[in-house]
Amino acid sequence: MSAAGLFYVGAVLIINGLMLLGVVSAKAASPLNLFVGALQVVVPTVLMIQSADVLVVADATPLYLFGFTYLWVGINTAADWDMRGLGWFSLFVAVSALALSGYNGLIRVDEPFAVIWLYWAVLWFLFFCVMGLELAHLSRFTGWFAIITGIVSAAIPGALQATGHWPTNAAVAVALAVVGVVSVVVLWLSTVRDQPRGTATT
């Protein structure tokens, strides 16, 4: 993923997190989702048309997972459509992200992005829980985790990549993993543990 694309993924994840928290309305979040979604569909298409290199195709193809997600969010929120289909698609994205984490760690030997893909796997699984299974009590947890994920796994790496200061070493991967685990524990204790269980209404 390009530095610019990663940076704007951070922006849209933060906005979608605020939407889940009720700070931003669904319709207000729609334009950015449509913009970033289109970006994440056009860019990999151009890359694959211009290059037959296997590695280029392997790097470009996963971008569609996010492009389709953001376009779907943008269209659904603008039209006020049912989110359950998007929720089940998010499960597919989560499983794919797990595989891509292994690919980045074992094949590409890129430990930081192996951890970043784990962030995305967890987040999209939470999207599945909230939208697909309609588990309303996870909405605040998911909203806050989306904001943290947007900052830690996308906005900051994208900005550092754009300026040539993104370090790709094991220490960064460990730091990302620690932040992720601590975030999950703190958010669970503060937003989920004492909340009544229930399903969302559509």
Protein backbone atom coordinates (compact mmCIF):
# COMPACT_ATOMS: atom_id res chain seq x y z
CA MET A 1 0.00 0.00 0.00
CA SER A 2 1.36 3.43 -0.92
CA ALA A 3 2.23 5.94 1.77
CA ALA A 4 -0.59 8.27 0.66
CA GLY A 5 -3.10 5.42 0.54
CA LEU A 6 -2.08 4.23 4.00
CA PHE A 7 -2.31 7.75 5.41
CA TYR A 8 -5.87 8.21 4.13
CA VAL A 9 -6.87 4.77 5.38
CA GLY A 10 -5.91 6.12 8.79
CA ALA A 11 -8.21 9.10 8.26
CA VAL A 12 -11.20 6.99 7.22
CA LEU A 13 -10.74 4.53 10.09
CA ILE A 14 -10.70 7.40 12.56
CA ILE A 15 -13.88 8.88 11.05
CA ASN A 16 -15.60 5.47 11.04
CA GLY A 17 -14.58 4.96 14.65
CA LEU A 18 -16.15 8.29 15.54
CA MET A 19 -19.25 7.20 13.62
CA LEU A 20 -19.53 4.06 15.76
CA LEU A 21 -19.14 6.22 18.85
CA GLY A 22 -21.98 8.48 17.71
CA VAL A 23 -19.75 11.55 17.33
CA VAL A 24 -20.05 11.67 13.53
CA SER A 25 -23.27 10.81 11.71
CA ALA A 26 -23.32 8.00 9.15
CA LYS A 27 -24.14 10.37 6.30
CA ALA A 28 -21.36 12.76 7.35
CA ALA A 29 -18.86 9.89 7.16
CA SER A 30 -20.06 8.80 3.72
CA PRO A 31 -18.01 11.16 1.48
CA LEU A 32 -14.63 10.21 2.95
CA ASN A 33 -15.51 6.51 2.72
CA LEU A 34 -16.44 6.92 -0.95
CA PHE A 35 -13.25 8.88 -1.70
CA VAL A 36 -10.87 6.47 0.05
CA GLY A 37 -12.79 3.46 -1.26
CA ALA A 38 -12.45 4.70 -4.83
CA LEU A 39 -8.74 5.35 -4.24
CA GLN A 40 -8.24 1.81 -2.95
CA VAL A 41 -9.95 0.35 -6.03
CA VAL A 42 -8.43 2.56 -8.76
CA VAL A 43 -4.83 2.35 -7.53
CA PRO A 44 -4.49 -1.47 -7.47
CA THR A 45 -6.26 -1.71 -10.82
CA VAL A 46 -3.75 0.69 -12.40
CA LEU A 47 -0.83 -1.12 -10.76
CA MET A 48 -1.93 -4.50 -12.07
CA ILE A 49 -2.56 -3.15 -15.58
CA GLN A 50 0.89 -1.56 -15.71
CA SER A 51 2.83 -4.51 -14.29
CA ALA A 52 2.81 -8.27 -14.75
CA ASP A 53 5.23 -8.75 -11.85
CA VAL A 54 3.88 -11.35 -9.41
CA LEU A 55 4.96 -9.37 -6.34
CA VAL A 56 3.27 -6.19 -7.60
CA VAL A 57 0.03 -8.09 -8.16
CA ALA A 58 0.34 -9.76 -4.73
CA ASP A 59 0.78 -6.36 -3.07
CA ALA A 60 -2.00 -4.66 -5.05
CA THR A 61 -4.74 -7.31 -4.80
CA PRO A 62 -5.39 -6.99 -1.02
CA LEU A 63 -6.16 -3.29 -1.48
CA TYR A 64 -9.51 -4.28 -2.97
CA LEU A 65 -10.52 -5.71 0.43
CA PHE A 66 -10.38 -2.22 1.88
CA GLY A 67 -11.59 -0.41 -1.21
CA PHE A 68 -14.76 -2.49 -1.35
CA THR A 69 -15.27 -2.04 2.41
CA TYR A 70 -15.10 1.75 2.29
CA LEU A 71 -17.20 2.02 -0.88
CA TRP A 72 -19.78 -0.28 0.72
CA VAL A 73 -19.82 1.81 3.91
CA GLY A 74 -20.15 5.01 1.88
CA ILE A 75 -23.01 3.70 -0.23
CA ASN A 76 -24.83 2.02 2.67
CA THR A 77 -24.64 5.05 4.93
CA ALA A 78 -25.67 7.46 2.16
CA ALA A 79 -28.63 5.27 1.21
CA ASP A 80 -29.41 4.11 4.77
CA TRP A 81 -29.20 0.45 3.72
CA ASP A 82 -28.89 -2.64 5.92
CA MET A 83 -25.29 -3.19 7.09
CA ARG A 84 -25.46 -6.97 7.61
CA GLY A 85 -24.09 -7.84 4.17
CA LEU A 86 -21.10 -5.59 4.82
CA GLY A 87 -20.70 -7.24 8.21
CA TRP A 88 -20.38 -10.71 6.70
CA PHE A 89 -17.99 -9.39 4.03
CA SER A 90 -15.91 -8.06 6.93
CA LEU A 91 -15.48 -11.62 8.18
CA PHE A 92 -13.98 -12.54 4.80
CA VAL A 93 -11.63 -9.54 5.10
CA ALA A 94 -10.62 -10.55 8.64
CA VAL A 95 -9.68 -14.09 7.57
CA SER A 96 -7.82 -12.73 4.54
CA ALA A 97 -5.93 -10.29 6.77
CA LEU A 98 -4.75 -13.18 8.96
CA ALA A 99 -3.33 -14.91 5.90
CA LEU A 100 -1.72 -11.68 4.71
CA SER A 101 -0.14 -11.20 8.13
CA GLY A 102 1.56 -14.56 7.70
CA TYR A 103 2.56 -13.68 4.13
CA ASN A 104 4.16 -10.40 5.23
CA GLY A 105 5.94 -12.00 8.17
CA LEU A 106 7.13 -15.25 6.57
CA ILE A 107 7.48 -14.46 2.85
CA ARG A 108 8.15 -10.73 2.70
CA VAL A 109 10.00 -10.73 6.07
CA ASP A 110 8.30 -7.47 7.01
CA GLU A 111 7.60 -7.87 10.72
CA PRO A 112 5.94 -4.45 11.29
CA PHE A 113 3.42 -5.01 8.51
CA ALA A 114 2.79 -8.54 9.71
CA VAL A 115 1.60 -6.98 12.98
CA ILE A 116 -0.29 -4.21 11.17
CA TRP A 117 -2.23 -6.85 9.23
CA LEU A 118 -3.14 -8.43 12.59
CA TYR A 119 -4.58 -5.07 13.70
CA TRP A 120 -6.73 -5.06 10.57
CA ALA A 121 -7.76 -8.70 11.09
CA VAL A 122 -8.99 -7.90 14.61
CA LEU A 123 -10.73 -4.70 13.53
CA TRP A 124 -12.57 -6.28 10.61
CA PHE A 125 -13.62 -9.18 12.84
CA LEU A 126 -15.09 -6.60 15.19
CA PHE A 127 -16.90 -5.02 12.22
CA PHE A 128 -18.33 -8.48 11.53
CA CYS A 129 -19.49 -8.77 15.15
CA VAL A 130 -21.12 -5.33 15.19
CA MET A 131 -22.67 -5.30 11.70
CA GLY A 132 -22.99 -8.97 10.76
CA LEU A 133 -23.96 -10.43 14.15
CA GLU A 134 -25.43 -7.12 15.38
CA LEU A 135 -23.72 -7.26 18.78
CA ALA A 136 -24.51 -3.73 19.92
CA HIS A 137 -22.49 -3.99 23.15
CA LEU A 138 -19.28 -4.13 21.08
CA SER A 139 -19.93 -0.85 19.25
CA ARG A 140 -17.96 1.41 21.59
CA PHE A 141 -15.09 -1.08 21.81
CA THR A 142 -15.00 -1.29 18.01
CA GLY A 143 -15.23 2.48 17.59
CA TRP A 144 -12.30 3.17 19.88
CA PHE A 145 -10.25 0.32 18.43
CA ALA A 146 -10.90 1.67 14.92
CA ILE A 147 -9.54 5.06 15.99
CA ILE A 148 -6.44 3.51 17.57
CA THR A 149 -5.91 1.26 14.56
CA GLY A 150 -6.30 4.21 12.20
CA ILE A 151 -3.62 6.15 14.04
CA VAL A 152 -1.16 3.36 14.89
CA SER A 153 -1.41 1.09 11.85
CA ALA A 154 -2.13 3.58 9.08
CA ALA A 155 -1.80 7.34 9.69
CA ILE A 156 1.56 7.23 11.47
CA PRO A 157 3.17 4.56 9.22
CA GLY A 158 1.82 6.35 6.13
CA ALA A 159 3.25 9.70 7.24
CA LEU A 160 6.61 8.12 8.14
CA GLN A 161 6.75 6.24 4.82
CA ALA A 162 5.99 9.44 2.92
CA THR A 163 8.94 11.19 4.59
CA GLY A 164 11.30 8.20 4.33
CA HIS A 165 11.46 7.62 8.08
CA TRP A 166 9.52 4.35 8.48
CA PRO A 167 11.77 1.77 10.19
CA THR A 168 11.17 -1.86 9.21
CA ASN A 169 12.68 -3.86 12.04
CA ALA A 170 11.62 -6.25 14.77
CA ALA A 171 11.61 -3.53 17.45
CA VAL A 172 8.85 -1.66 15.61
CA ALA A 173 6.85 -4.87 15.29
CA VAL A 174 7.16 -5.54 19.02
CA ALA A 175 6.12 -1.96 19.86
CA LEU A 176 3.08 -2.24 17.58
CA ALA A 177 2.12 -5.57 19.13
CA VAL A 178 2.41 -4.19 22.68
CA VAL A 179 0.26 -1.15 21.83
CA GLY A 180 -2.33 -3.43 20.22
CA VAL A 181 -2.57 -5.86 23.13
CA VAL A 182 -2.68 -3.09 25.74
CA SER A 183 -5.35 -1.26 23.74
CA VAL A 184 -7.55 -4.36 23.50
CA VAL A 185 -7.28 -5.07 27.23
CA VAL A 186 -7.92 -1.47 28.32
CA LEU A 187 -10.81 -1.01 25.90
CA TRP A 188 -12.39 -4.30 26.90
CA LEU A 189 -12.24 -3.41 30.59
CA SER A 190 -13.55 0.12 30.03
CA THR A 191 -16.19 -0.38 27.32
CA VAL A 192 -17.37 -4.01 27.26
CA ARG A 193 -16.91 -5.88 30.54
CA ASP A 194 -19.83 -4.32 32.40
CA GLN A 195 -22.08 -3.61 29.42
CA PRO A 196 -25.38 -5.52 28.98
CA ARG A 197 -25.27 -8.01 26.13
CA GLY A 198 -27.62 -7.45 23.21
CA THR A 199 -28.03 -7.22 19.50
CA ALA A 200 -28.25 -4.10 17.43
CA THR A 201 -31.50 -3.04 15.88
CA THR A 202 -31.81 -2.42 12.15
